Amino acid sequence: NVIPSSNSVMATNLHFLGLYFDEARYQQLSDDMLSKVKDLVIKE
């Protein structure tokens, strides 16, 4: 919304912190979260 959703911010945090700390789990969770909403992101 006007404030981004807490899940989209967390998925982004996991992406960047996964790189900073070489945490494969963070990156995988970020990918998985985005994969669940991708179809709706394209549409809306």
PDB file of all heavy atoms in Angstrom:
ATOM      1  N   ASN A   1       0.864  -1.172   0.000  1.00  0.00           N
ATOM      2  CA  ASN A   1       0.000   0.000   0.000  1.00  0.00           C
ATOM      3  C   ASN A   1       0.903   1.225   0.000  1.00  0.00           C
ATOM      4  O   ASN A   1       1.991   1.188  -0.558  1.00  0.00           O
ATOM      5  CB  ASN A   1      -0.940  -0.041   1.209  1.00  0.00           C
ATOM      6  CG  ASN A   1      -2.213   0.744   0.985  1.00  0.00           C
ATOM      7  OD1 ASN A   1      -2.171   1.920   0.626  1.00  0.00           O
ATOM      8  ND2 ASN A   1      -3.357   0.105   1.178  1.00  0.00           N
ATOM      9  N   VAL A   2       0.455   2.324   0.615  1.00  0.00           N
ATOM     10  CA  VAL A   2       1.331   3.493   0.733  1.00  0.00           C
ATOM     11  C   VAL A   2       2.608   3.075   1.458  1.00  0.00           C
ATOM     12  O   VAL A   2       3.706   3.470   1.084  1.00  0.00           O
ATOM     13  CB  VAL A   2       0.626   4.640   1.487  1.00  0.00           C
ATOM     14  CG1 VAL A   2       1.564   5.807   1.700  1.00  0.00           C
ATOM     15  CG2 VAL A   2      -0.596   5.105   0.706  1.00  0.00           C
ATOM     16  N   ILE A   3       2.462   2.261   2.504  1.00  0.00           N
ATOM     17  CA  ILE A   3       3.611   1.608   3.125  1.00  0.00           C
ATOM     18  C   ILE A   3       3.720   0.217   2.501  1.00  0.00           C
ATOM     19  O   ILE A   3       2.724  -0.489   2.396  1.00  0.00           O
ATOM     20  CB  ILE A   3       3.419   1.501   4.653  1.00  0.00           C
ATOM     21  CG1 ILE A   3       3.324   2.902   5.281  1.00  0.00           C
ATOM     22  CG2 ILE A   3       4.557   0.714   5.290  1.00  0.00           C
ATOM     23  CD1 ILE A   3       2.999   2.911   6.758  1.00  0.00           C
ATOM     24  N   PRO A   4       4.919  -0.190   2.050  1.00  0.00           N
ATOM     25  CA  PRO A   4       5.021  -1.522   1.432  1.00  0.00           C
ATOM     26  C   PRO A   4       4.669  -2.620   2.428  1.00  0.00           C
ATOM     27  O   PRO A   4       4.838  -2.448   3.637  1.00  0.00           O
ATOM     28  CB  PRO A   4       6.491  -1.598   1.003  1.00  0.00           C
ATOM     29  CG  PRO A   4       7.210  -0.590   1.830  1.00  0.00           C
ATOM     30  CD  PRO A   4       6.215   0.498   2.110  1.00  0.00           C
ATOM     31  N   SER A   5       4.173  -3.742   1.933  1.00  0.00           N
ATOM     32  CA  SER A   5       3.735  -4.821   2.821  1.00  0.00           C
ATOM     33  C   SER A   5       4.930  -5.391   3.581  1.00  0.00           C
ATOM     34  O   SER A   5       6.046  -5.466   3.063  1.00  0.00           O
ATOM     35  CB  SER A   5       3.041  -5.932   2.031  1.00  0.00           C
ATOM     36  OG  SER A   5       3.991  -6.671   1.281  1.00  0.00           O
ATOM     37  N   SER A   6       4.656  -5.825   4.810  1.00  0.00           N
ATOM     38  CA  SER A   6       5.742  -6.336   5.646  1.00  0.00           C
ATOM     39  C   SER A   6       6.367  -7.594   5.052  1.00  0.00           C
ATOM     40  O   SER A   6       7.564  -7.830   5.220  1.00  0.00           O
ATOM     41  CB  SER A   6       5.245  -6.585   7.067  1.00  0.00           C
ATOM     42  OG  SER A   6       3.982  -7.202   7.073  1.00  0.00           O
ATOM     43  N   ASN A   7       5.594  -8.395   4.315  1.00  0.00           N
ATOM     44  CA  ASN A   7       6.193  -9.582   3.685  1.00  0.00           C
ATOM     45  C   ASN A   7       7.100  -9.205   2.518  1.00  0.00           C
ATOM     46  O   ASN A   7       8.154  -9.820   2.333  1.00  0.00           O
ATOM     47  CB  ASN A   7       5.105 -10.568   3.241  1.00  0.00           C
ATOM     48  CG  ASN A   7       4.817 -11.605   4.309  1.00  0.00           C
ATOM     49  OD1 ASN A   7       5.641 -12.458   4.616  1.00  0.00           O
ATOM     50  ND2 ASN A   7       3.632 -11.519   4.907  1.00  0.00           N
ATOM     51  N   SER A   8       6.720  -8.207   1.732  1.00  0.00           N
ATOM     52  CA  SER A   8       7.602  -7.819   0.613  1.00  0.00           C
ATOM     53  C   SER A   8       8.890  -7.208   1.139  1.00  0.00           C
ATOM     54  O   SER A   8       9.972  -7.419   0.572  1.00  0.00           O
ATOM     55  CB  SER A   8       6.890  -6.847  -0.343  1.00  0.00           C
ATOM     56  OG  SER A   8       6.725  -5.555   0.220  1.00  0.00           O
ATOM     57  N   VAL A   9       8.807  -6.458   2.248  1.00  0.00           N
ATOM     58  CA  VAL A   9      10.023  -5.873   2.841  1.00  0.00           C
ATOM     59  C   VAL A   9      10.895  -6.985   3.425  1.00  0.00           C
ATOM     60  O   VAL A   9      12.120  -6.979   3.250  1.00  0.00           O
ATOM     61  CB  VAL A   9       9.667  -4.823   3.919  1.00  0.00           C
ATOM     62  CG1 VAL A   9      10.932  -4.267   4.563  1.00  0.00           C
ATOM     63  CG2 VAL A   9       8.861  -3.680   3.305  1.00  0.00           C
ATOM     64  N   MET A  10      10.271  -7.972   4.091  1.00  0.00           N
ATOM     65  CA  MET A  10      11.065  -9.076   4.648  1.00  0.00           C
ATOM     66  C   MET A  10      11.734  -9.895   3.547  1.00  0.00           C
ATOM     67  O   MET A  10      12.898 -10.298   3.681  1.00  0.00           O
ATOM     68  CB  MET A  10      10.190  -9.991   5.514  1.00  0.00           C
ATOM     69  CG  MET A  10      10.014  -9.546   6.942  1.00  0.00           C
ATOM     70  SD  MET A  10      11.520  -9.091   7.845  1.00  0.00           S
ATOM     71  CE  MET A  10      12.495 -10.580   7.760  1.00  0.00           C
ATOM     72  N   ALA A  11      11.030 -10.144   2.461  1.00  0.00           N
ATOM     73  CA  ALA A  11      11.626 -10.905   1.352  1.00  0.00           C
ATOM     74  C   ALA A  11      12.832 -10.160   0.786  1.00  0.00           C
ATOM     75  O   ALA A  11      13.850 -10.769   0.429  1.00  0.00           O
ATOM     76  CB  ALA A  11      10.582 -11.156   0.265  1.00  0.00           C
ATOM     77  N   THR A  12      12.739  -8.831   0.732  1.00  0.00           N
ATOM     78  CA  THR A  12      13.854  -8.009   0.247  1.00  0.00           C
ATOM     79  C   THR A  12      14.999  -8.020   1.255  1.00  0.00           C
ATOM     80  O   THR A  12      16.176  -8.139   0.885  1.00  0.00           O
ATOM     81  CB  THR A  12      13.374  -6.564  -0.018  1.00  0.00           C
ATOM     82  OG1 THR A  12      12.240  -6.606  -0.894  1.00  0.00           O
ATOM     83  CG2 THR A  12      14.464  -5.730  -0.662  1.00  0.00           C
ATOM     84  N   ASN A  13      14.658  -7.907   2.545  1.00  0.00           N
ATOM     85  CA  ASN A  13      15.692  -7.993   3.589  1.00  0.00           C
ATOM     86  C   ASN A  13      16.454  -9.312   3.504  1.00  0.00           C
ATOM     87  O   ASN A  13      17.687  -9.343   3.617  1.00  0.00           O
ATOM     88  CB  ASN A  13      15.056  -7.887   4.978  1.00  0.00           C
ATOM     89  CG  ASN A  13      14.514  -6.503   5.281  1.00  0.00           C
ATOM     90  OD1 ASN A  13      14.938  -5.516   4.700  1.00  0.00           O
ATOM     91  ND2 ASN A  13      13.571  -6.431   6.207  1.00  0.00           N
ATOM     92  N   LEU A  14      15.732 -10.404   3.329  1.00  0.00           N
ATOM     93  CA  LEU A  14      16.369 -11.724   3.253  1.00  0.00           C
ATOM     94  C   LEU A  14      17.287 -11.821   2.045  1.00  0.00           C
ATOM     95  O   LEU A  14      18.351 -12.443   2.102  1.00  0.00           O
ATOM     96  CB  LEU A  14      15.300 -12.822   3.218  1.00  0.00           C
ATOM     97  CG  LEU A  14      14.542 -13.038   4.532  1.00  0.00           C
ATOM     98  CD1 LEU A  14      13.275 -13.862   4.297  1.00  0.00           C
ATOM     99  CD2 LEU A  14      15.433 -13.723   5.574  1.00  0.00           C
ATOM    100  N   HIS A  15      16.903 -11.191   0.944  1.00  0.00           N
ATOM    101  CA  HIS A  15      17.747 -11.177  -0.256  1.00  0.00           C
ATOM    102  C   HIS A  15      19.091 -10.511   0.055  1.00  0.00           C
ATOM    103  O   HIS A  15      20.162 -11.077  -0.206  1.00  0.00           O
ATOM    104  CB  HIS A  15      17.031 -10.438  -1.391  1.00  0.00           C
ATOM    105  CG  HIS A  15      17.891 -10.213  -2.594  1.00  0.00           C
ATOM    106  ND1 HIS A  15      18.158 -11.204  -3.512  1.00  0.00           N
ATOM    107  CD2 HIS A  15      18.569  -9.113  -3.025  1.00  0.00           C
ATOM    108  CE1 HIS A  15      18.957 -10.724  -4.463  1.00  0.00           C
ATOM    109  NE2 HIS A  15      19.219  -9.454  -4.187  1.00  0.00           N
ATOM    110  N   PHE A  16      19.047  -9.308   0.631  1.00  0.00           N
ATOM    111  CA  PHE A  16      20.285  -8.556   0.857  1.00  0.00           C
ATOM    112  C   PHE A  16      21.104  -9.122   2.022  1.00  0.00           C
ATOM    113  O   PHE A  16      22.333  -9.231   1.921  1.00  0.00           O
ATOM    114  CB  PHE A  16      19.968  -7.075   1.075  1.00  0.00           C
ATOM    115  CG  PHE A  16      19.672  -6.363  -0.216  1.00  0.00           C
ATOM    116  CD1 PHE A  16      18.373  -6.081  -0.595  1.00  0.00           C
ATOM    117  CD2 PHE A  16      20.694  -6.000  -1.072  1.00  0.00           C
ATOM    118  CE1 PHE A  16      18.091  -5.454  -1.798  1.00  0.00           C
ATOM    119  CE2 PHE A  16      20.433  -5.367  -2.279  1.00  0.00           C
ATOM    120  CZ  PHE A  16      19.129  -5.094  -2.642  1.00  0.00           C
ATOM    121  N   LEU A  17      20.430  -9.491   3.115  1.00  0.00           N
ATOM    122  CA  LEU A  17      21.180 -10.057   4.235  1.00  0.00           C
ATOM    123  C   LEU A  17      21.746 -11.429   3.883  1.00  0.00           C
ATOM    124  O   LEU A  17      22.806 -11.818   4.391  1.00  0.00           O
ATOM    125  CB  LEU A  17      20.299 -10.130   5.483  1.00  0.00           C
ATOM    126  CG  LEU A  17      19.928  -8.761   6.081  1.00  0.00           C
ATOM    127  CD1 LEU A  17      18.917  -8.930   7.210  1.00  0.00           C
ATOM    128  CD2 LEU A  17      21.148  -8.005   6.576  1.00  0.00           C
ATOM    129  N   GLY A  18      21.070 -12.146   3.009  1.00  0.00           N
ATOM    130  CA  GLY A  18      21.609 -13.414   2.509  1.00  0.00           C
ATOM    131  C   GLY A  18      22.948 -13.208   1.814  1.00  0.00           C
ATOM    132  O   GLY A  18      23.869 -14.025   1.939  1.00  0.00           O
ATOM    133  N   LEU A  19      23.076 -12.102   1.082  1.00  0.00           N
ATOM    134  CA  LEU A  19      24.346 -11.784   0.415  1.00  0.00           C
ATOM    135  C   LEU A  19      25.384 -11.293   1.431  1.00  0.00           C
ATOM    136  O   LEU A  19      26.548 -11.707   1.391  1.00  0.00           O
ATOM    137  CB  LEU A  19      24.120 -10.719  -0.659  1.00  0.00           C
ATOM    138  CG  LEU A  19      23.270 -11.156  -1.864  1.00  0.00           C
ATOM    139  CD1 LEU A  19      22.943  -9.963  -2.757  1.00  0.00           C
ATOM    140  CD2 LEU A  19      23.985 -12.233  -2.675  1.00  0.00           C
ATOM    141  N   TYR A  20      24.972 -10.416   2.338  1.00  0.00           N
ATOM    142  CA  TYR A  20      25.920  -9.883   3.326  1.00  0.00           C
ATOM    143  C   TYR A  20      26.537 -10.987   4.187  1.00  0.00           C
ATOM    144  O   TYR A  20      27.723 -10.963   4.496  1.00  0.00           O
ATOM    145  CB  TYR A  20      25.224  -8.872   4.242  1.00  0.00           C
ATOM    146  CG  TYR A  20      25.261  -7.452   3.745  1.00  0.00           C
ATOM    147  CD1 TYR A  20      24.075  -6.771   3.451  1.00  0.00           C
ATOM    148  CD2 TYR A  20      26.465  -6.777   3.579  1.00  0.00           C
ATOM    149  CE1 TYR A  20      24.096  -5.450   3.002  1.00  0.00           C
ATOM    150  CE2 TYR A  20      26.499  -5.463   3.133  1.00  0.00           C
ATOM    151  CZ  TYR A  20      25.316  -4.804   2.843  1.00  0.00           C
ATOM    152  OH  TYR A  20      25.353  -3.507   2.391  1.00  0.00           O
ATOM    153  N   PHE A  21      25.691 -11.945   4.597  1.00  0.00           N
ATOM    154  CA  PHE A  21      26.150 -12.962   5.552  1.00  0.00           C
ATOM    155  C   PHE A  21      26.365 -14.332   4.907  1.00  0.00           C
ATOM    156  O   PHE A  21      26.600 -15.307   5.610  1.00  0.00           O
ATOM    157  CB  PHE A  21      25.153 -13.063   6.710  1.00  0.00           C
ATOM    158  CG  PHE A  21      25.185 -11.864   7.615  1.00  0.00           C
ATOM    159  CD1 PHE A  21      24.240 -10.857   7.482  1.00  0.00           C
ATOM    160  CD2 PHE A  21      26.173 -11.722   8.571  1.00  0.00           C
ATOM    161  CE1 PHE A  21      24.264  -9.733   8.301  1.00  0.00           C
ATOM    162  CE2 PHE A  21      26.214 -10.608   9.402  1.00  0.00           C
ATOM    163  CZ  PHE A  21      25.263  -9.611   9.266  1.00  0.00           C
ATOM    164  N   ASP A  22      26.267 -14.396   3.590  1.00  0.00           N
ATOM    165  CA  ASP A  22      26.427 -15.661   2.869  1.00  0.00           C
ATOM    166  C   ASP A  22      25.508 -16.726   3.469  1.00  0.00           C
ATOM    167  O   ASP A  22      25.911 -17.855   3.756  1.00  0.00           O
ATOM    168  CB  ASP A  22      27.896 -16.111   2.913  1.00  0.00           C
ATOM    169  CG  ASP A  22      28.185 -17.217   1.890  1.00  0.00           C
ATOM    170  OD1 ASP A  22      27.390 -17.358   0.933  1.00  0.00           O
ATOM    171  OD2 ASP A  22      29.180 -17.936   2.054  1.00  0.00           O
ATOM    172  N   GLU A  23      24.244 -16.328   3.680  1.00  0.00           N
ATOM    173  CA  GLU A  23      23.225 -17.217   4.263  1.00  0.00           C
ATOM    174  C   GLU A  23      22.335 -17.748   3.152  1.00  0.00           C
ATOM    175  O   GLU A  23      21.406 -17.062   2.695  1.00  0.00           O
ATOM    176  CB  GLU A  23      22.367 -16.441   5.276  1.00  0.00           C
ATOM    177  CG  GLU A  23      23.026 -16.228   6.623  1.00  0.00           C
ATOM    178  CD  GLU A  23      22.795 -17.405   7.572  1.00  0.00           C
ATOM    179  OE1 GLU A  23      22.217 -18.424   7.141  1.00  0.00           O
ATOM    180  OE2 GLU A  23      23.213 -17.294   8.728  1.00  0.00           O
ATOM    181  N   ALA A  24      22.606 -18.967   2.718  1.00  0.00           N
ATOM    182  CA  ALA A  24      21.836 -19.546   1.613  1.00  0.00           C
ATOM    183  C   ALA A  24      20.363 -19.670   1.975  1.00  0.00           C
ATOM    184  O   ALA A  24      19.481 -19.497   1.126  1.00  0.00           O
ATOM    185  CB  ALA A  24      22.406 -20.917   1.248  1.00  0.00           C
ATOM    186  N   ARG A  25      20.074 -19.949   3.263  1.00  0.00           N
ATOM    187  CA  ARG A  25      18.669 -20.109   3.671  1.00  0.00           C
ATOM    188  C   ARG A  25      17.893 -18.810   3.462  1.00  0.00           C
ATOM    189  O   ARG A  25      16.752 -18.818   3.010  1.00  0.00           O
ATOM    190  CB  ARG A  25      18.601 -20.535   5.146  1.00  0.00           C
ATOM    191  CG  ARG A  25      17.151 -20.801   5.570  1.00  0.00           C
ATOM    192  CD  ARG A  25      16.981 -20.913   7.070  1.00  0.00           C
ATOM    193  NE  ARG A  25      15.557 -21.041   7.391  1.00  0.00           N
ATOM    194  CZ  ARG A  25      15.025 -20.638   8.533  1.00  0.00           C
ATOM    195  NH1 ARG A  25      15.770 -20.069   9.457  1.00  0.00           N
ATOM    196  NH2 ARG A  25      13.736 -20.781   8.755  1.00  0.00           N
ATOM    197  N   TYR A  26      18.497 -17.674   3.827  1.00  0.00           N
ATOM    198  CA  TYR A  26      17.831 -16.386   3.625  1.00  0.00           C
ATOM    199  C   TYR A  26      17.475 -16.202   2.150  1.00  0.00           C
ATOM    200  O   TYR A  26      16.362 -15.793   1.815  1.00  0.00           O
ATOM    201  CB  TYR A  26      18.752 -15.231   4.044  1.00  0.00           C
ATOM    202  CG  TYR A  26      18.956 -15.002   5.515  1.00  0.00           C
ATOM    203  CD1 TYR A  26      18.479 -15.880   6.492  1.00  0.00           C
ATOM    204  CD2 TYR A  26      19.661 -13.874   5.943  1.00  0.00           C
ATOM    205  CE1 TYR A  26      18.697 -15.636   7.842  1.00  0.00           C
ATOM    206  CE2 TYR A  26      19.888 -13.624   7.293  1.00  0.00           C
ATOM    207  CZ  TYR A  26      19.404 -14.505   8.236  1.00  0.00           C
ATOM    208  OH  TYR A  26      19.626 -14.248   9.559  1.00  0.00           O
ATOM    209  N   GLN A  27      18.444 -16.458   1.300  1.00  0.00           N
ATOM    210  CA  GLN A  27      18.223 -16.240  -0.143  1.00  0.00           C
ATOM    211  C   GLN A  27      17.129 -17.165  -0.671  1.00  0.00           C
ATOM    212  O   GLN A  27      16.283 -16.747  -1.462  1.00  0.00           O
ATOM    213  CB  GLN A  27      19.529 -16.479  -0.895  1.00  0.00           C
ATOM    214  CG  GLN A  27      20.577 -15.446  -0.540  1.00  0.00           C
ATOM    215  CD  GLN A  27      21.082 -14.725  -1.768  1.00  0.00           C
ATOM    216  OE1 GLN A  27      21.893 -15.250  -2.490  1.00  0.00           O
ATOM    217  NE2 GLN A  27      20.575 -13.536  -1.994  1.00  0.00           N
ATOM    218  N   GLN A  28      17.161 -18.414  -0.204  1.00  0.00           N
ATOM    219  CA  GLN A  28      16.146 -19.375  -0.660  1.00  0.00           C
ATOM    220  C   GLN A  28      14.750 -18.958  -0.211  1.00  0.00           C
ATOM    221  O   GLN A  28      13.788 -19.015  -0.988  1.00  0.00           O
ATOM    222  CB  GLN A  28      16.474 -20.774  -0.125  1.00  0.00           C
ATOM    223  CG  GLN A  28      15.612 -21.887  -0.716  1.00  0.00           C
ATOM    224  CD  GLN A  28      15.790 -22.039  -2.215  1.00  0.00           C
ATOM    225  OE1 GLN A  28      16.905 -22.186  -2.688  1.00  0.00           O
ATOM    226  NE2 GLN A  28      14.697 -21.981  -2.965  1.00  0.00           N
ATOM    227  N   LEU A  29      14.637 -18.503   1.050  1.00  0.00           N
ATOM    228  CA  LEU A  29      13.336 -18.040   1.544  1.00  0.00           C
ATOM    229  C   LEU A  29      12.845 -16.849   0.727  1.00  0.00           C
ATOM    230  O   LEU A  29      11.655 -16.758   0.389  1.00  0.00           O
ATOM    231  CB  LEU A  29      13.431 -17.646   3.022  1.00  0.00           C
ATOM    232  CG  LEU A  29      13.542 -18.785   4.038  1.00  0.00           C
ATOM    233  CD1 LEU A  29      13.770 -18.228   5.440  1.00  0.00           C
ATOM    234  CD2 LEU A  29      12.282 -19.650   4.021  1.00  0.00           C
ATOM    235  N   SER A  30      13.740 -15.921   0.421  1.00  0.00           N
ATOM    236  CA  SER A  30      13.380 -14.749  -0.380  1.00  0.00           C
ATOM    237  C   SER A  30      12.860 -15.176  -1.746  1.00  0.00           C
ATOM    238  O   SER A  30      11.817 -14.699  -2.218  1.00  0.00           O
ATOM    239  CB  SER A  30      14.605 -13.836  -0.521  1.00  0.00           C
ATOM    240  OG  SER A  30      14.330 -12.758  -1.378  1.00  0.00           O
ATOM    241  N   ASP A  31      13.580 -16.106  -2.382  1.00  0.00           N
ATOM    242  CA  ASP A  31      13.140 -16.625  -3.691  1.00  0.00           C
ATOM    243  C   ASP A  31      11.769 -17.291  -3.581  1.00  0.00           C
ATOM    244  O   ASP A  31      10.882 -17.080  -4.422  1.00  0.00           O
ATOM    245  CB  ASP A  31      14.145 -17.652  -4.230  1.00  0.00           C
ATOM    246  CG  ASP A  31      15.487 -17.042  -4.605  1.00  0.00           C
ATOM    247  OD1 ASP A  31      15.575 -15.796  -4.672  1.00  0.00           O
ATOM    248  OD2 ASP A  31      16.446 -17.808  -4.823  1.00  0.00           O
ATOM    249  N   ASP A  32      11.609 -18.104  -2.539  1.00  0.00           N
ATOM    250  CA  ASP A  32      10.349 -18.839  -2.372  1.00  0.00           C
ATOM    251  C   ASP A  32       9.176 -17.884  -2.153  1.00  0.00           C
ATOM    252  O   ASP A  32       8.079 -18.092  -2.691  1.00  0.00           O
ATOM    253  CB  ASP A  32      10.446 -19.808  -1.186  1.00  0.00           C
ATOM    254  CG  ASP A  32      11.403 -20.966  -1.452  1.00  0.00           C
ATOM    255  OD1 ASP A  32      11.810 -21.147  -2.622  1.00  0.00           O
ATOM    256  OD2 ASP A  32      11.759 -21.673  -0.489  1.00  0.00           O
ATOM    257  N   MET A  33       9.396 -16.852  -1.345  1.00  0.00           N
ATOM    258  CA  MET A  33       8.323 -15.881  -1.084  1.00  0.00           C
ATOM    259  C   MET A  33       7.913 -15.180  -2.374  1.00  0.00           C
ATOM    260  O   MET A  33       6.716 -15.051  -2.672  1.00  0.00           O
ATOM    261  CB  MET A  33       8.776 -14.858  -0.041  1.00  0.00           C
ATOM    262  CG  MET A  33       8.922 -15.429   1.359  1.00  0.00           C
ATOM    263  SD  MET A  33       9.704 -14.281   2.515  1.00  0.00           S
ATOM    264  CE  MET A  33       8.342 -13.142   2.832  1.00  0.00           C
ATOM    265  N   LEU A  34       8.895 -14.742  -3.143  1.00  0.00           N
ATOM    266  CA  LEU A  34       8.579 -14.066  -4.413  1.00  0.00           C
ATOM    267  C   LEU A  34       7.884 -15.010  -5.385  1.00  0.00           C
ATOM    268  O   LEU A  34       6.960 -14.615  -6.099  1.00  0.00           O
ATOM    269  CB  LEU A  34       9.857 -13.497  -5.028  1.00  0.00           C
ATOM    270  CG  LEU A  34       9.705 -12.703  -6.325  1.00  0.00           C
ATOM    271  CD1 LEU A  34       8.730 -11.539  -6.168  1.00  0.00           C
ATOM    272  CD2 LEU A  34      11.062 -12.181  -6.802  1.00  0.00           C
ATOM    273  N   SER A  35       8.301 -16.279  -5.380  1.00  0.00           N
ATOM    274  CA  SER A  35       7.702 -17.241  -6.319  1.00  0.00           C
ATOM    275  C   SER A  35       6.207 -17.426  -6.067  1.00  0.00           C
ATOM    276  O   SER A  35       5.442 -17.684  -6.987  1.00  0.00           O
ATOM    277  CB  SER A  35       8.421 -18.591  -6.227  1.00  0.00           C
ATOM    278  OG  SER A  35       8.071 -19.276  -5.043  1.00  0.00           O
ATOM    279  N   LYS A  36       5.791 -17.247  -4.805  1.00  0.00           N
ATOM    280  CA  LYS A  36       4.375 -17.453  -4.467  1.00  0.00           C
ATOM    281  C   LYS A  36       3.485 -16.318  -4.974  1.00  0.00           C
ATOM    282  O   LYS A  36       2.307 -16.520  -5.249  1.00  0.00           O
ATOM    283  CB  LYS A  36       4.215 -17.600  -2.952  1.00  0.00           C
ATOM    284  CG  LYS A  36       4.773 -18.922  -2.430  1.00  0.00           C
ATOM    285  CD  LYS A  36       4.603 -19.054  -0.937  1.00  0.00           C
ATOM    286  CE  LYS A  36       4.943 -20.445  -0.457  1.00  0.00           C
ATOM    287  NZ  LYS A  36       6.365 -20.775  -0.606  1.00  0.00           N
ATOM    288  N   VAL A  37       4.041 -15.113  -5.068  1.00  0.00           N
ATOM    289  CA  VAL A  37       3.204 -13.962  -5.456  1.00  0.00           C
ATOM    290  C   VAL A  37       3.477 -13.487  -6.884  1.00  0.00           C
ATOM    291  O   VAL A  37       2.814 -12.581  -7.371  1.00  0.00           O
ATOM    292  CB  VAL A  37       3.398 -12.772  -4.482  1.00  0.00           C
ATOM    293  CG1 VAL A  37       2.974 -13.139  -3.072  1.00  0.00           C
ATOM    294  CG2 VAL A  37       4.826 -12.263  -4.496  1.00  0.00           C
ATOM    295  N   LYS A  38       4.444 -14.097  -7.553  1.00  0.00           N
ATOM    296  CA  LYS A  38       4.901 -13.579  -8.847  1.00  0.00           C
ATOM    297  C   LYS A  38       3.760 -13.379  -9.845  1.00  0.00           C
ATOM    298  O   LYS A  38       3.686 -12.341 -10.513  1.00  0.00           O
ATOM    299  CB  LYS A  38       5.958 -14.515  -9.443  1.00  0.00           C
ATOM    300  CG  LYS A  38       6.439 -14.025 -10.806  1.00  0.00           C
ATOM    301  CD  LYS A  38       7.186 -15.091 -11.581  1.00  0.00           C
ATOM    302  CE  LYS A  38       7.242 -14.693 -13.037  1.00  0.00           C
ATOM    303  NZ  LYS A  38       7.876 -15.692 -13.881  1.00  0.00           N
ATOM    304  N   ASP A  39       2.876 -14.345  -9.957  1.00  0.00           N
ATOM    305  CA  ASP A  39       1.795 -14.228 -10.956  1.00  0.00           C
ATOM    306  C   ASP A  39       0.931 -12.997 -10.697  1.00  0.00           C
ATOM    307  O   ASP A  39       0.507 -12.320 -11.638  1.00  0.00           O
ATOM    308  CB  ASP A  39       0.925 -15.498 -10.953  1.00  0.00           C
ATOM    309  CG  ASP A  39       1.674 -16.701 -11.522  1.00  0.00           C
ATOM    310  OD1 ASP A  39       2.710 -16.494 -12.186  1.00  0.00           O
ATOM    311  OD2 ASP A  39       1.243 -17.847 -11.277  1.00  0.00           O
ATOM    312  N   LEU A  40       0.677 -12.701  -9.413  1.00  0.00           N
ATOM    313  CA  LEU A  40      -0.131 -11.528  -9.083  1.00  0.00           C
ATOM    314  C   LEU A  40       0.671 -10.238  -9.292  1.00  0.00           C
ATOM    315  O   LEU A  40       0.112  -9.214  -9.678  1.00  0.00           O
ATOM    316  CB  LEU A  40      -0.624 -11.617  -7.631  1.00  0.00           C
ATOM    317  CG  LEU A  40      -1.710 -10.621  -7.222  1.00  0.00           C
ATOM    318  CD1 LEU A  40      -2.969 -10.789  -8.070  1.00  0.00           C
ATOM    319  CD2 LEU A  40      -2.055 -10.772  -5.740  1.00  0.00           C
ATOM    320  N   VAL A  41       1.969 -10.287  -9.055  1.00  0.00           N
ATOM    321  CA  VAL A  41       2.819  -9.104  -9.278  1.00  0.00           C
ATOM    322  C   VAL A  41       2.766  -8.702 -10.755  1.00  0.00           C
ATOM    323  O   VAL A  41       2.660  -7.517 -11.088  1.00  0.00           O
ATOM    324  CB  VAL A  41       4.287  -9.368  -8.858  1.00  0.00           C
ATOM    325  CG1 VAL A  41       5.148  -8.132  -9.124  1.00  0.00           C
ATOM    326  CG2 VAL A  41       4.373  -9.736  -7.391  1.00  0.00           C
ATOM    327  N   ILE A  42       2.819  -9.682 -11.639  1.00  0.00           N
ATOM    328  CA  ILE A  42       2.753  -9.390 -13.083  1.00  0.00           C
ATOM    329  C   ILE A  42       1.410  -8.757 -13.431  1.00  0.00           C
ATOM    330  O   ILE A  42       1.330  -7.759 -14.144  1.00  0.00           O
ATOM    331  CB  ILE A  42       2.952 -10.683 -13.913  1.00  0.00           C
ATOM    332  CG1 ILE A  42       4.372 -11.229 -13.711  1.00  0.00           C
ATOM    333  CG2 ILE A  42       2.692 -10.425 -15.396  1.00  0.00           C
ATOM    334  CD1 ILE A  42       4.583 -12.612 -14.283  1.00  0.00           C
ATOM    335  N   LYS A  43       0.348  -9.315 -12.854  1.00  0.00           N
ATOM    336  CA  LYS A  43      -1.001  -8.870 -13.196  1.00  0.00           C
ATOM    337  C   LYS A  43      -1.345  -7.509 -12.583  1.00  0.00           C
ATOM    338  O   LYS A  43      -1.957  -6.658 -13.219  1.00  0.00           O
ATOM    339  CB  LYS A  43      -2.001  -9.931 -12.688  1.00  0.00           C
ATOM    340  CG  LYS A  43      -3.339  -9.923 -13.436  1.00  0.00           C
ATOM    341  CD  LYS A  43      -4.329 -10.890 -12.801  1.00  0.00           C
ATOM    342  CE  LYS A  43      -3.812 -12.332 -12.808  1.00  0.00           C
ATOM    343  NZ  LYS A  43      -4.799 -13.258 -12.214  1.00  0.00           N
ATOM    344  N   GLU A  44      -0.954  -7.313 -11.316  1.00  0.00           N
ATOM    345  CA  GLU A  44      -1.353  -6.107 -10.568  1.00  0.00           C
ATOM    346  C   GLU A  44      -0.141  -5.421  -9.927  1.00  0.00           C
ATOM    347  O   GLU A  44      -0.056  -5.314  -8.699  1.00  0.00           O
ATOM    348  CB  GLU A  44      -2.374  -6.481  -9.481  1.00  0.00           C
ATOM    349  CG  GLU A  44      -3.688  -7.012  -9.997  1.00  0.00           C
ATOM    350  CD  GLU A  44      -4.563  -5.931 -10.628  1.00  0.00           C
ATOM    351  OE1 GLU A  44      -4.167  -4.749 -10.608  1.00  0.00           O
ATOM    352  OE2 GLU A  44      -5.638  -6.278 -11.137  1.00  0.00           O
TER     353      GLU A  44
END
